[in-house]
Structures are given as structure tokens and as C-alpha cells.
Amino acid sequence: MTFGERFHAAGGPNKGPSMRAATMLVLSVLAVFAGCGGKPKKKELPAGQGATGTCERAADKYSACIREKLGPDAARIVESKRDVASCAADPKTVSMYETCLPEADCDAFMKCITDYAK
């Protein structure tokens, strides 16, 4: 069962306590952006991707995945926290995104971010 299926089975993003759970999930994943923990093997990105480009692409993908999995309200929260400059200034965060961006779908991308923090 995917993250989205589990989330929607628990009541979806528009029900009282479930919205609180979604907010906590979003905030928890944002905490991962500090880049702590182990590092999965990096996958190759196209040439010419600097830290700022990597962070821009990661912010776009993360926002799209949150919108897909949790809905537009959660995506607005994530988009209001967008800070590409801070991301680009943190080598550990850039490394995490370089590792996770090549993942094909949102479930794999989000799992990669979560696993990176372990």
C-alpha cells in the first residue's frame, strides 16, 4: 500500500485529525532537509546541475509530490517554506537531493528522502 493510499484510508487531507496528521507529516519531512544520517548511493544527474539547479528541481518535485499525495492545502504549506538559497548553501541537503531526484515517482522520491535521514 502506497503512502497516499494509507493516508486516504485514514480519512484523507480534509478531515479534522487527519489534516493535523498531514501537517505533522509535512513538517517531519521538512525536518529531513537538514541532510542528517546515512547516505544512499548517488545516482547520476545530467551534467551542469549546480547546487541551485538541484535545489530548484528538488523543491519543484517535492511540492508536486506533496500536492499529489496530500492535496493542494499541504502543497501550499510546503511552497510557503521554499528556500532554495538555504538548500544550495548546505552540501548535505544538496547531496540528499542529488541522490533522490532521479527517482521516477513520488513514492520512491519520498522514500529516498526518508531513508536518507536514517
PDB file of N, CA and C in Angstrom:
ATOM      1  N   MET A   1       0.844  -1.162   0.000  1.00  0.00           N
ATOM      2  CA  MET A   1       0.000   0.000   0.000  1.00  0.00           C
ATOM      3  C   MET A   1       0.900   1.239   0.000  1.00  0.00           C
ATOM      4  N   THR A   2       0.651   2.159  -0.901  1.00  0.00           N
ATOM      5  CA  THR A   2       1.482   3.362  -1.002  1.00  0.00           C
ATOM      6  C   THR A   2       1.147   4.328   0.131  1.00  0.00           C
ATOM      7  N   PHE A   3       2.001   5.319   0.297  1.00  0.00           N
ATOM      8  CA  PHE A   3       1.772   6.340   1.306  1.00  0.00           C
ATOM      9  C   PHE A   3       0.413   7.015   1.083  1.00  0.00           C
ATOM     10  N   GLY A   4       0.126   7.378  -0.152  1.00  0.00           N
ATOM     11  CA  GLY A   4      -1.134   8.053  -0.470  1.00  0.00           C
ATOM     12  C   GLY A   4      -2.337   7.198  -0.143  1.00  0.00           C
ATOM     13  N   GLU A   5      -2.265   5.908  -0.444  1.00  0.00           N
ATOM     14  CA  GLU A   5      -3.373   5.010  -0.134  1.00  0.00           C
ATOM     15  C   GLU A   5      -3.587   4.901   1.368  1.00  0.00           C
ATOM     16  N   ARG A   6      -2.484   4.805   2.129  1.00  0.00           N
ATOM     17  CA  ARG A   6      -2.607   4.730   3.581  1.00  0.00           C
ATOM     18  C   ARG A   6      -3.192   6.023   4.130  1.00  0.00           C
ATOM     19  N   PHE A   7      -2.722   7.161   3.592  1.00  0.00           N
ATOM     20  CA  PHE A   7      -3.194   8.449   4.065  1.00  0.00           C
ATOM     21  C   PHE A   7      -4.683   8.605   3.805  1.00  0.00           C
ATOM     22  N   HIS A   8      -5.116   8.289   2.586  1.00  0.00           N
ATOM     23  CA  HIS A   8      -6.525   8.445   2.249  1.00  0.00           C
ATOM     24  C   HIS A   8      -7.400   7.424   2.976  1.00  0.00           C
ATOM     25  N   ALA A   9      -6.878   6.241   3.254  1.00  0.00           N
ATOM     26  CA  ALA A   9      -7.618   5.247   4.013  1.00  0.00           C
ATOM     27  C   ALA A   9      -7.843   5.725   5.452  1.00  0.00           C
ATOM     28  N   ALA A  10      -6.935   6.575   5.929  1.00  0.00           N
ATOM     29  CA  ALA A  10      -7.052   7.104   7.289  1.00  0.00           C
ATOM     30  C   ALA A  10      -7.969   8.318   7.359  1.00  0.00           C
ATOM     31  N   GLY A  11      -8.552   8.735   6.259  1.00  0.00           N
ATOM     32  CA  GLY A  11      -9.504   9.837   6.297  1.00  0.00           C
ATOM     33  C   GLY A  11      -9.201  10.953   5.330  1.00  0.00           C
ATOM     34  N   GLY A  12      -8.046  10.926   4.690  1.00  0.00           N
ATOM     35  CA  GLY A  12      -7.731  11.946   3.692  1.00  0.00           C
ATOM     36  C   GLY A  12      -7.373  13.283   4.294  1.00  0.00           C
ATOM     37  N   PRO A  13      -7.024  14.245   3.442  1.00  0.00           N
ATOM     38  CA  PRO A  13      -6.499  15.515   3.930  1.00  0.00           C
ATOM     39  C   PRO A  13      -7.569  16.486   4.432  1.00  0.00           C
ATOM     40  N   ASN A  14      -8.843  16.217   4.234  1.00  0.00           N
ATOM     41  CA  ASN A  14      -9.862  17.201   4.570  1.00  0.00           C
ATOM     42  C   ASN A  14     -10.705  16.804   5.776  1.00  0.00           C
ATOM     43  N   LYS A  15     -10.213  15.918   6.620  1.00  0.00           N
ATOM     44  CA  LYS A  15     -10.932  15.509   7.818  1.00  0.00           C
ATOM     45  C   LYS A  15     -10.126  15.974   9.028  1.00  0.00           C
ATOM     46  N   GLY A  16     -10.780  16.450  10.068  1.00  0.00           N
ATOM     47  CA  GLY A  16     -10.184  17.025  11.267  1.00  0.00           C
ATOM     48  C   GLY A  16      -8.817  16.495  11.668  1.00  0.00           C
ATOM     49  N   PRO A  17      -8.733  15.426  12.445  1.00  0.00           N
ATOM     50  CA  PRO A  17      -7.441  14.957  12.930  1.00  0.00           C
ATOM     51  C   PRO A  17      -6.489  14.545  11.804  1.00  0.00           C
ATOM     52  N   SER A  18      -7.016  14.108  10.666  1.00  0.00           N
ATOM     53  CA  SER A  18      -6.150  13.689   9.568  1.00  0.00           C
ATOM     54  C   SER A  18      -5.387  14.866   8.979  1.00  0.00           C
ATOM     55  N   MET A  19      -5.983  16.049   8.943  1.00  0.00           N
ATOM     56  CA  MET A  19      -5.271  17.229   8.449  1.00  0.00           C
ATOM     57  C   MET A  19      -4.117  17.545   9.389  1.00  0.00           C
ATOM     58  N   ARG A  20      -4.336  17.376  10.682  1.00  0.00           N
ATOM     59  CA  ARG A  20      -3.264  17.574  11.646  1.00  0.00           C
ATOM     60  C   ARG A  20      -2.146  16.565  11.387  1.00  0.00           C
ATOM     61  N   ALA A  21      -2.527  15.324  11.107  1.00  0.00           N
ATOM     62  CA  ALA A  21      -1.528  14.301  10.809  1.00  0.00           C
ATOM     63  C   ALA A  21      -0.769  14.649   9.539  1.00  0.00           C
ATOM     64  N   ALA A  22      -1.464  15.151   8.529  1.00  0.00           N
ATOM     65  CA  ALA A  22      -0.808  15.538   7.281  1.00  0.00           C
ATOM     66  C   ALA A  22       0.163  16.679   7.524  1.00  0.00           C
ATOM     67  N   THR A  23      -0.240  17.645   8.328  1.00  0.00           N
ATOM     68  CA  THR A  23       0.643  18.765   8.645  1.00  0.00           C
ATOM     69  C   THR A  23       1.884  18.269   9.369  1.00  0.00           C
ATOM     70  N   MET A  24       1.707  17.366  10.315  1.00  0.00           N
ATOM     71  CA  MET A  24       2.855  16.809  11.037  1.00  0.00           C
ATOM     72  C   MET A  24       3.770  16.041  10.092  1.00  0.00           C
ATOM     73  N   LEU A  25       3.184  15.318   9.143  1.00  0.00           N
ATOM     74  CA  LEU A  25       3.991  14.594   8.172  1.00  0.00           C
ATOM     75  C   LEU A  25       4.819  15.561   7.338  1.00  0.00           C
ATOM     76  N   VAL A  26       4.181  16.608   6.847  1.00  0.00           N
ATOM     77  CA  VAL A  26       4.885  17.601   6.038  1.00  0.00           C
ATOM     78  C   VAL A  26       6.017  18.217   6.845  1.00  0.00           C
ATOM     79  N   LEU A  27       5.743  18.593   8.084  1.00  0.00           N
ATOM     80  CA  LEU A  27       6.774  19.197   8.915  1.00  0.00           C
ATOM     81  C   LEU A  27       7.896  18.205   9.222  1.00  0.00           C
ATOM     82  N   SER A  28       7.547  16.940   9.398  1.00  0.00           N
ATOM     83  CA  SER A  28       8.572  15.917   9.637  1.00  0.00           C
ATOM     84  C   SER A  28       9.480  15.753   8.432  1.00  0.00           C
ATOM     85  N   VAL A  29       8.893  15.723   7.265  1.00  0.00           N
ATOM     86  CA  VAL A  29       9.701  15.572   6.057  1.00  0.00           C
ATOM     87  C   VAL A  29      10.547  16.816   5.841  1.00  0.00           C
ATOM     88  N   LEU A  30      10.020  17.993   6.157  1.00  0.00           N
ATOM     89  CA  LEU A  30      10.817  19.211   6.040  1.00  0.00           C
ATOM     90  C   LEU A  30      12.035  19.146   6.954  1.00  0.00           C
ATOM     91  N   ALA A  31      11.870  18.522   8.118  1.00  0.00           N
ATOM     92  CA  ALA A  31      12.988  18.378   9.037  1.00  0.00           C
ATOM     93  C   ALA A  31      14.102  17.524   8.440  1.00  0.00           C
ATOM     94  N   VAL A  32      13.738  16.624   7.564  1.00  0.00           N
ATOM     95  CA  VAL A  32      14.723  15.761   6.904  1.00  0.00           C
ATOM     96  C   VAL A  32      15.665  16.583   6.040  1.00  0.00           C
ATOM     97  N   PHE A  33      15.198  17.742   5.582  1.00  0.00           N
ATOM     98  CA  PHE A  33      16.004  18.562   4.685  1.00  0.00           C
ATOM     99  C   PHE A  33      17.310  19.025   5.302  1.00  0.00           C
ATOM    100  N   ALA A  34      17.476  18.815   6.594  1.00  0.00           N
ATOM    101  CA  ALA A  34      18.744  19.162   7.224  1.00  0.00           C
ATOM    102  C   ALA A  34      19.868  18.265   6.699  1.00  0.00           C
ATOM    103  N   GLY A  35      19.518  17.138   6.114  1.00  0.00           N
ATOM    104  CA  GLY A  35      20.518  16.272   5.493  1.00  0.00           C
ATOM    105  C   GLY A  35      21.266  15.398   6.476  1.00  0.00           C
ATOM    106  N   CYS A  36      20.632  14.994   7.562  1.00  0.00           N
ATOM    107  CA  CYS A  36      21.307  14.167   8.558  1.00  0.00           C
ATOM    108  C   CYS A  36      21.309  12.705   8.130  1.00  0.00           C
ATOM    109  N   GLY A  37      22.190  11.939   8.748  1.00  0.00           N
ATOM    110  CA  GLY A  37      22.123  10.495   8.626  1.00  0.00           C
ATOM    111  C   GLY A  37      22.918   9.899   7.487  1.00  0.00           C
ATOM    112  N   GLY A  38      22.613   8.620   7.200  1.00  0.00           N
ATOM    113  CA  GLY A  38      23.310   7.867   6.171  1.00  0.00           C
ATOM    114  C   GLY A  38      23.022   8.385   4.789  1.00  0.00           C
ATOM    115  N   LYS A  39      23.852   7.969   3.870  1.00  0.00           N
ATOM    116  CA  LYS A  39      23.726   8.462   2.511  1.00  0.00           C
ATOM    117  C   LYS A  39      23.608   7.296   1.540  1.00  0.00           C
ATOM    118  N   PRO A  40      22.438   7.123   0.913  1.00  0.00           N
ATOM    119  CA  PRO A  40      22.328   6.098  -0.115  1.00  0.00           C
ATOM    120  C   PRO A  40      23.241   6.450  -1.300  1.00  0.00           C
ATOM    121  N   LYS A  41      23.532   5.465  -2.111  1.00  0.00           N
ATOM    122  CA  LYS A  41      24.380   5.677  -3.272  1.00  0.00           C
ATOM    123  C   LYS A  41      23.751   6.711  -4.204  1.00  0.00           C
ATOM    124  N   LYS A  42      24.590   7.654  -4.666  1.00  0.00           N
ATOM    125  CA  LYS A  42      24.100   8.702  -5.565  1.00  0.00           C
ATOM    126  C   LYS A  42      23.843   8.139  -6.945  1.00  0.00           C
ATOM    127  N   LYS A  43      22.814   8.675  -7.580  1.00  0.00           N
ATOM    128  CA  LYS A  43      22.533   8.362  -8.973  1.00  0.00           C
ATOM    129  C   LYS A  43      22.979   9.555  -9.797  1.00  0.00           C
ATOM    130  N   GLU A  44      23.337   9.318 -11.028  1.00  0.00           N
ATOM    131  CA  GLU A  44      23.841  10.381 -11.884  1.00  0.00           C
ATOM    132  C   GLU A  44      22.751  11.354 -12.291  1.00  0.00           C
ATOM    133  N   LEU A  45      23.043  12.640 -12.201  1.00  0.00           N
ATOM    134  CA  LEU A  45      22.193  13.697 -12.716  1.00  0.00           C
ATOM    135  C   LEU A  45      22.802  14.208 -14.011  1.00  0.00           C
ATOM    136  N   PRO A  46      22.012  14.859 -14.851  1.00  0.00           N
ATOM    137  CA  PRO A  46      22.566  15.430 -16.074  1.00  0.00           C
ATOM    138  C   PRO A  46      23.677  16.424 -15.760  1.00  0.00           C
ATOM    139  N   ALA A  47      24.622  16.557 -16.655  1.00  0.00           N
ATOM    140  CA  ALA A  47      25.740  17.479 -16.478  1.00  0.00           C
ATOM    141  C   ALA A  47      25.218  18.907 -16.356  1.00  0.00           C
ATOM    142  N   GLY A  48      25.957  19.738 -15.621  1.00  0.00           N
ATOM    143  CA  GLY A  48      25.602  21.138 -15.500  1.00  0.00           C
ATOM    144  C   GLY A  48      24.601  21.443 -14.408  1.00  0.00           C
ATOM    145  N   GLN A  49      24.341  20.495 -13.530  1.00  0.00           N
ATOM    146  CA  GLN A  49      23.394  20.734 -12.447  1.00  0.00           C
ATOM    147  C   GLN A  49      24.168  21.198 -11.215  1.00  0.00           C
ATOM    148  N   GLY A  50      24.192  22.494 -10.972  1.00  0.00           N
ATOM    149  CA  GLY A  50      24.823  23.025  -9.778  1.00  0.00           C
ATOM    150  C   GLY A  50      23.890  22.884  -8.591  1.00  0.00           C
ATOM    151  N   ALA A  51      24.351  23.350  -7.435  1.00  0.00           N
ATOM    152  CA  ALA A  51      23.565  23.234  -6.208  1.00  0.00           C
ATOM    153  C   ALA A  51      22.224  23.953  -6.332  1.00  0.00           C
ATOM    154  N   THR A  52      22.231  25.167  -6.895  1.00  0.00           N
ATOM    155  CA  THR A  52      20.973  25.909  -7.018  1.00  0.00           C
ATOM    156  C   THR A  52      20.010  25.193  -7.954  1.00  0.00           C
ATOM    157  N   GLY A  53      20.499  24.697  -9.075  1.00  0.00           N
ATOM    158  CA  GLY A  53      19.644  23.958 -10.007  1.00  0.00           C
ATOM    159  C   GLY A  53      19.080  22.699  -9.375  1.00  0.00           C
ATOM    160  N   THR A  54      19.914  22.000  -8.618  1.00  0.00           N
ATOM    161  CA  THR A  54      19.464  20.791  -7.928  1.00  0.00           C
ATOM    162  C   THR A  54      18.363  21.134  -6.929  1.00  0.00           C
ATOM    163  N   CYS A  55      18.556  22.199  -6.163  1.00  0.00           N
ATOM    164  CA  CYS A  55      17.568  22.588  -5.149  1.00  0.00           C
ATOM    165  C   CYS A  55      16.278  23.093  -5.783  1.00  0.00           C
ATOM    166  N   GLU A  56      16.378  23.809  -6.906  1.00  0.00           N
ATOM    167  CA  GLU A  56      15.166  24.265  -7.614  1.00  0.00           C
ATOM    168  C   GLU A  56      14.351  23.057  -8.082  1.00  0.00           C
ATOM    169  N   ARG A  57      15.033  22.103  -8.717  1.00  0.00           N
ATOM    170  CA  ARG A  57      14.342  20.910  -9.204  1.00  0.00           C
ATOM    171  C   ARG A  57      13.751  20.106  -8.050  1.00  0.00           C
ATOM    172  N   ALA A  58      14.494  20.002  -6.944  1.00  0.00           N
ATOM    173  CA  ALA A  58      14.010  19.252  -5.783  1.00  0.00           C
ATOM    174  C   ALA A  58      12.782  19.930  -5.175  1.00  0.00           C
ATOM    175  N   ALA A  59      12.811  21.250  -5.060  1.00  0.00           N
ATOM    176  CA  ALA A  59      11.667  21.972  -4.497  1.00  0.00           C
ATOM    177  C   ALA A  59      10.435  21.781  -5.376  1.00  0.00           C
ATOM    178  N   ASP A  60      10.624  21.830  -6.693  1.00  0.00           N
ATOM    179  CA  ASP A  60       9.503  21.620  -7.609  1.00  0.00           C
ATOM    180  C   ASP A  60       8.940  20.203  -7.479  1.00  0.00           C
ATOM    181  N   LYS A  61       9.844  19.223  -7.438  1.00  0.00           N
ATOM    182  CA  LYS A  61       9.391  17.828  -7.357  1.00  0.00           C
ATOM    183  C   LYS A  61       8.732  17.546  -6.011  1.00  0.00           C
ATOM    184  N   TYR A  62       9.323  18.030  -4.940  1.00  0.00           N
ATOM    185  CA  TYR A  62       8.757  17.794  -3.608  1.00  0.00           C
ATOM    186  C   TYR A  62       7.363  18.413  -3.513  1.00  0.00           C
ATOM    187  N   SER A  63       7.227  19.642  -3.985  1.00  0.00           N
ATOM    188  CA  SER A  63       5.930  20.319  -3.953  1.00  0.00           C
ATOM    189  C   SER A  63       4.898  19.547  -4.777  1.00  0.00           C
ATOM    190  N   ALA A  64       5.290  19.099  -5.963  1.00  0.00           N
ATOM    191  CA  ALA A  64       4.375  18.323  -6.812  1.00  0.00           C
ATOM    192  C   ALA A  64       3.970  17.015  -6.139  1.00  0.00           C
ATOM    193  N   CYS A  65       4.917  16.367  -5.474  1.00  0.00           N
ATOM    194  CA  CYS A  65       4.607  15.107  -4.787  1.00  0.00           C
ATOM    195  C   CYS A  65       3.671  15.333  -3.607  1.00  0.00           C
ATOM    196  N   ILE A  66       3.899  16.393  -2.853  1.00  0.00           N
ATOM    197  CA  ILE A  66       3.007  16.698  -1.737  1.00  0.00           C
ATOM    198  C   ILE A  66       1.617  16.998  -2.268  1.00  0.00           C
ATOM    199  N   ARG A  67       1.530  17.750  -3.363  1.00  0.00           N
ATOM    200  CA  ARG A  67       0.227  18.051  -3.968  1.00  0.00           C
ATOM    201  C   ARG A  67      -0.458  16.755  -4.396  1.00  0.00           C
ATOM    202  N   GLU A  68       0.294  15.845  -5.024  1.00  0.00           N
ATOM    203  CA  GLU A  68      -0.264  14.575  -5.500  1.00  0.00           C
ATOM    204  C   GLU A  68      -0.738  13.696  -4.338  1.00  0.00           C
ATOM    205  N   LYS A  69       0.061  13.639  -3.267  1.00  0.00           N
ATOM    206  CA  LYS A  69      -0.218  12.704  -2.179  1.00  0.00           C
ATOM    207  C   LYS A  69      -1.124  13.281  -1.097  1.00  0.00           C
ATOM    208  N   LEU A  70      -0.993  14.591  -0.814  1.00  0.00           N
ATOM    209  CA  LEU A  70      -1.715  15.164   0.318  1.00  0.00           C
ATOM    210  C   LEU A  70      -2.700  16.260  -0.062  1.00  0.00           C
ATOM    211  N   GLY A  71      -2.631  16.724  -1.299  1.00  0.00           N
ATOM    212  CA  GLY A  71      -3.595  17.716  -1.750  1.00  0.00           C
ATOM    213  C   GLY A  71      -3.041  19.131  -1.778  1.00  0.00           C
ATOM    214  N   PRO A  72      -3.849  20.057  -2.294  1.00  0.00           N
ATOM    215  CA  PRO A  72      -3.381  21.430  -2.507  1.00  0.00           C
ATOM    216  C   PRO A  72      -3.113  22.203  -1.222  1.00  0.00           C
ATOM    217  N   ASP A  73      -3.834  21.923  -0.138  1.00  0.00           N
ATOM    218  CA  ASP A  73      -3.584  22.644   1.114  1.00  0.00           C
ATOM    219  C   ASP A  73      -2.189  22.343   1.648  1.00  0.00           C
ATOM    220  N   ALA A  74      -1.834  21.081   1.667  1.00  0.00           N
ATOM    221  CA  ALA A  74      -0.496  20.700   2.130  1.00  0.00           C
ATOM    222  C   ALA A  74       0.571  21.254   1.191  1.00  0.00           C
ATOM    223  N   ALA A  75       0.304  21.260  -0.106  1.00  0.00           N
ATOM    224  CA  ALA A  75       1.271  21.794  -1.073  1.00  0.00           C
ATOM    225  C   ALA A  75       1.507  23.282  -0.838  1.00  0.00           C
ATOM    226  N   ARG A  76       0.457  24.025  -0.491  1.00  0.00           N
ATOM    227  CA  ARG A  76       0.622  25.459  -0.208  1.00  0.00           C
ATOM    228  C   ARG A  76       1.529  25.676   1.005  1.00  0.00           C
ATOM    229  N   ILE A  77       1.389  24.824   2.018  1.00  0.00           N
ATOM    230  CA  ILE A  77       2.263  24.926   3.198  1.00  0.00           C
ATOM    231  C   ILE A  77       3.715  24.716   2.782  1.00  0.00           C
ATOM    232  N   VAL A  78       3.954  23.668   2.001  1.00  0.00           N
ATOM    233  CA  VAL A  78       5.310  23.359   1.547  1.00  0.00           C
ATOM    234  C   VAL A  78       5.866  24.501   0.694  1.00  0.00           C
ATOM    235  N   GLU A  79       5.057  25.004  -0.227  1.00  0.00           N
ATOM    236  CA  GLU A  79       5.519  26.071  -1.118  1.00  0.00           C
ATOM    237  C   GLU A  79       5.833  27.351  -0.346  1.00  0.00           C
ATOM    238  N   SER A  80       5.134  27.601   0.750  1.00  0.00           N
ATOM    239  CA  SER A  80       5.415  28.800   1.545  1.00  0.00           C
ATOM    240  C   SER A  80       6.749  28.691   2.280  1.00  0.00           C
ATOM    241  N   LYS A  81       7.265  27.472   2.428  1.00  0.00           N
ATOM    242  CA  LYS A  81       8.543  27.237   3.113  1.00  0.00           C
ATOM    243  C   LYS A  81       9.716  27.104   2.140  1.00  0.00           C
ATOM    244  N   ARG A  82       9.478  27.282   0.868  1.00  0.00           N
ATOM    245  CA  ARG A  82      10.515  27.097  -0.156  1.00  0.00           C
ATOM    246  C   ARG A  82      11.680  28.051   0.109  1.00  0.00           C
ATOM    247  N   ASP A  83      12.899  27.493   0.178  1.00  0.00           N
ATOM    248  CA  ASP A  83      14.097  28.279   0.446  1.00  0.00           C
ATOM    249  C   ASP A  83      15.271  27.653  -0.300  1.00  0.00           C
ATOM    250  N   VAL A  84      15.336  27.956  -1.581  1.00  0.00           N
ATOM    251  CA  VAL A  84      16.372  27.367  -2.442  1.00  0.00           C
ATOM    252  C   VAL A  84      17.759  27.812  -2.013  1.00  0.00           C
ATOM    253  N   ALA A  85      17.916  29.068  -1.590  1.00  0.00           N
ATOM    254  CA  ALA A  85      19.235  29.575  -1.207  1.00  0.00           C
ATOM    255  C   ALA A  85      19.810  28.789  -0.028  1.00  0.00           C
ATOM    256  N   SER A  86      18.998  28.516   0.988  1.00  0.00           N
ATOM    257  CA  SER A  86      19.478  27.746   2.140  1.00  0.00           C
ATOM    258  C   SER A  86      19.817  26.316   1.738  1.00  0.00           C
ATOM    259  N   CYS A  87      19.003  25.743   0.899  1.00  0.00           N
ATOM    260  CA  CYS A  87      19.262  24.396   0.401  1.00  0.00           C
ATOM    261  C   CYS A  87      20.612  24.355  -0.320  1.00  0.00           C
ATOM    262  N   ALA A  88      20.813  25.291  -1.241  1.00  0.00           N
ATOM    263  CA  ALA A  88      22.031  25.310  -2.058  1.00  0.00           C
ATOM    264  C   ALA A  88      23.279  25.553  -1.214  1.00  0.00           C
ATOM    265  N   ALA A  89      23.120  26.214  -0.064  1.00  0.00           N
ATOM    266  CA  ALA A  89      24.255  26.503   0.809  1.00  0.00           C
ATOM    267  C   ALA A  89      24.621  25.332   1.716  1.00  0.00           C
ATOM    268  N   ASP A  90      23.801  24.288   1.741  1.00  0.00           N
ATOM    269  CA  ASP A  90      24.038  23.145   2.620  1.00  0.00           C
ATOM    270  C   ASP A  90      24.438  21.924   1.789  1.00  0.00           C
ATOM    271  N   PRO A  91      25.713  21.573   1.777  1.00  0.00           N
ATOM    272  CA  PRO A  91      26.171  20.448   0.952  1.00  0.00           C
ATOM    273  C   PRO A  91      25.467  19.124   1.258  1.00  0.00           C
ATOM    274  N   LYS A  92      25.093  18.890   2.522  1.00  0.00           N
ATOM    275  CA  LYS A  92      24.413  17.637   2.869  1.00  0.00           C
ATOM    276  C   LYS A  92      23.019  17.582   2.240  1.00  0.00           C
ATOM    277  N   THR A  93      22.317  18.711   2.233  1.00  0.00           N
ATOM    278  CA  THR A  93      20.998  18.752   1.628  1.00  0.00           C
ATOM    279  C   THR A  93      21.097  18.572   0.120  1.00  0.00           C
ATOM    280  N   VAL A  94      22.060  19.237  -0.497  1.00  0.00           N
ATOM    281  CA  VAL A  94      22.264  19.098  -1.947  1.00  0.00           C
ATOM    282  C   VAL A  94      22.593  17.649  -2.277  1.00  0.00           C
ATOM    283  N   SER A  95      23.431  17.020  -1.465  1.00  0.00           N
ATOM    284  CA  SER A  95      23.786  15.617  -1.683  1.00  0.00           C
ATOM    285  C   SER A  95      22.559  14.715  -1.599  1.00  0.00           C
ATOM    286  N   MET A  96      21.690  14.988  -0.616  1.00  0.00           N
ATOM    287  CA  MET A  96      20.464  14.197  -0.485  1.00  0.00           C
ATOM    288  C   MET A  96      19.627  14.321  -1.752  1.00  0.00           C
ATOM    289  N   TYR A  97      19.445  15.540  -2.232  1.00  0.00           N
ATOM    290  CA  TYR A  97      18.631  15.735  -3.422  1.00  0.00           C
ATOM    291  C   TYR A  97      19.286  15.146  -4.670  1.00  0.00           C
ATOM    292  N   GLU A  98      20.594  15.236  -4.776  1.00  0.00           N
ATOM    293  CA  GLU A  98      21.272  14.616  -5.917  1.00  0.00           C
ATOM    294  C   GLU A  98      21.053  13.111  -5.914  1.00  0.00           C
ATOM    295  N   THR A  99      20.960  12.537  -4.717  1.00  0.00           N
ATOM    296  CA  THR A  99      20.699  11.106  -4.579  1.00  0.00           C
ATOM    297  C   THR A  99      19.251  10.768  -4.921  1.00  0.00           C
ATOM    298  N   CYS A 100      18.310  11.588  -4.470  1.00  0.00           N
ATOM    299  CA  CYS A 100      16.883  11.247  -4.549  1.00  0.00           C
ATOM    300  C   CYS A 100      16.167  11.757  -5.797  1.00  0.00           C
ATOM    301  N   LEU A 101      16.638  12.840  -6.414  1.00  0.00           N
ATOM    302  CA  LEU A 101      15.932  13.400  -7.568  1.00  0.00           C
ATOM    303  C   LEU A 101      15.730  12.429  -8.726  1.00  0.00           C
ATOM    304  N   PRO A 102      16.678  11.549  -9.016  1.00  0.00           N
ATOM    305  CA  PRO A 102      16.468  10.646 -10.149  1.00  0.00           C
ATOM    306  C   PRO A 102      15.350   9.619  -9.951  1.00  0.00           C
ATOM    307  N   GLU A 103      14.813   9.500  -8.749  1.00  0.00           N
ATOM    308  CA  GLU A 103      13.721   8.550  -8.521  1.00  0.00           C
ATOM    309  C   GLU A 103      12.550   8.911  -9.422  1.00  0.00           C
ATOM    310  N   ALA A 104      11.958   7.898 -10.033  1.00  0.00           N
ATOM    311  CA  ALA A 104      10.961   8.107 -11.086  1.00  0.00           C
ATOM    312  C   ALA A 104       9.619   8.621 -10.577  1.00  0.00           C
ATOM    313  N   ASP A 105       9.163   8.143  -9.432  1.00  0.00           N
ATOM    314  CA  ASP A 105       7.828   8.548  -8.986  1.00  0.00           C
ATOM    315  C   ASP A 105       7.883   9.133  -7.583  1.00  0.00           C
ATOM    316  N   CYS A 106       6.764   9.687  -7.157  1.00  0.00           N
ATOM    317  CA  CYS A 106       6.705  10.366  -5.864  1.00  0.00           C
ATOM    318  C   CYS A 106       6.943   9.424  -4.690  1.00  0.00           C
ATOM    319  N   ASP A 107       6.394   8.233  -4.736  1.00  0.00           N
ATOM    320  CA  ASP A 107       6.601   7.295  -3.634  1.00  0.00           C
ATOM    321  C   ASP A 107       8.086   6.992  -3.462  1.00  0.00           C
ATOM    322  N   ALA A 108       8.784   6.737  -4.557  1.00  0.00           N
ATOM    323  CA  ALA A 108      10.213   6.432  -4.489  1.00  0.00           C
ATOM    324  C   ALA A 108      11.015   7.659  -4.033  1.00  0.00           C
ATOM    325  N   PHE A 109      10.650   8.833  -4.527  1.00  0.00           N
ATOM    326  CA  PHE A 109      11.331  10.074  -4.138  1.00  0.00           C
ATOM    327  C   PHE A 109      11.176  10.324  -2.636  1.00  0.00           C
ATOM    328  N   MET A 110       9.951  10.217  -2.126  1.00  0.00           N
ATOM    329  CA  MET A 110       9.703  10.454  -0.712  1.00  0.00           C
ATOM    330  C   MET A 110      10.383   9.388   0.156  1.00  0.00           C
ATOM    331  N   LYS A 111      10.381   8.146  -0.289  1.00  0.00           N
ATOM    332  CA  LYS A 111      11.050   7.081   0.456  1.00  0.00           C
ATOM    333  C   LYS A 111      12.552   7.345   0.515  1.00  0.00           C
ATOM    334  N   CYS A 112      13.116   7.796  -0.593  1.00  0.00           N
ATOM    335  CA  CYS A 112      14.544   8.096  -0.636  1.00  0.00           C
ATOM    336  C   CYS A 112      14.889   9.185   0.378  1.00  0.00           C
ATOM    337  N   ILE A 113      14.083  10.248   0.448  1.00  0.00           N
ATOM    338  CA  ILE A 113      14.331  11.323   1.396  1.00  0.00           C
ATOM    339  C   ILE A 113      14.251  10.801   2.831  1.00  0.00           C
ATOM    340  N   THR A 114      13.232  10.001   3.104  1.00  0.00           N
ATOM    341  CA  THR A 114      13.060   9.436   4.445  1.00  0.00           C
ATOM    342  C   THR A 114      14.220   8.507   4.787  1.00  0.00           C
ATOM    343  N   ASP A 115      14.591   7.638   3.860  1.00  0.00           N
ATOM    344  CA  ASP A 115      15.693   6.700   4.097  1.00  0.00           C
ATOM    345  C   ASP A 115      17.021   7.436   4.284  1.00  0.00           C
ATOM    346  N   TYR A 116      17.197   8.543   3.618  1.00  0.00           N
ATOM    347  CA  TYR A 116      18.444   9.305   3.706  1.00  0.00           C
ATOM    348  C   TYR A 116      18.675   9.796   5.126  1.00  0.00           C
ATOM    349  N   ALA A 117      17.593  10.087   5.843  1.00  0.00           N
ATOM    350  CA  ALA A 117      17.708  10.615   7.203  1.00  0.00           C
ATOM    351  C   ALA A 117      18.040   9.539   8.226  1.00  0.00           C
ATOM    352  N   LYS A 118      17.904   8.281   7.873  1.00  0.00           N
ATOM    353  CA  LYS A 118      18.152   7.185   8.828  1.00  0.00           C
ATOM    354  C   LYS A 118      19.618   6.997   9.077  1.00  0.00           C
TER     355      LYS A 118
END
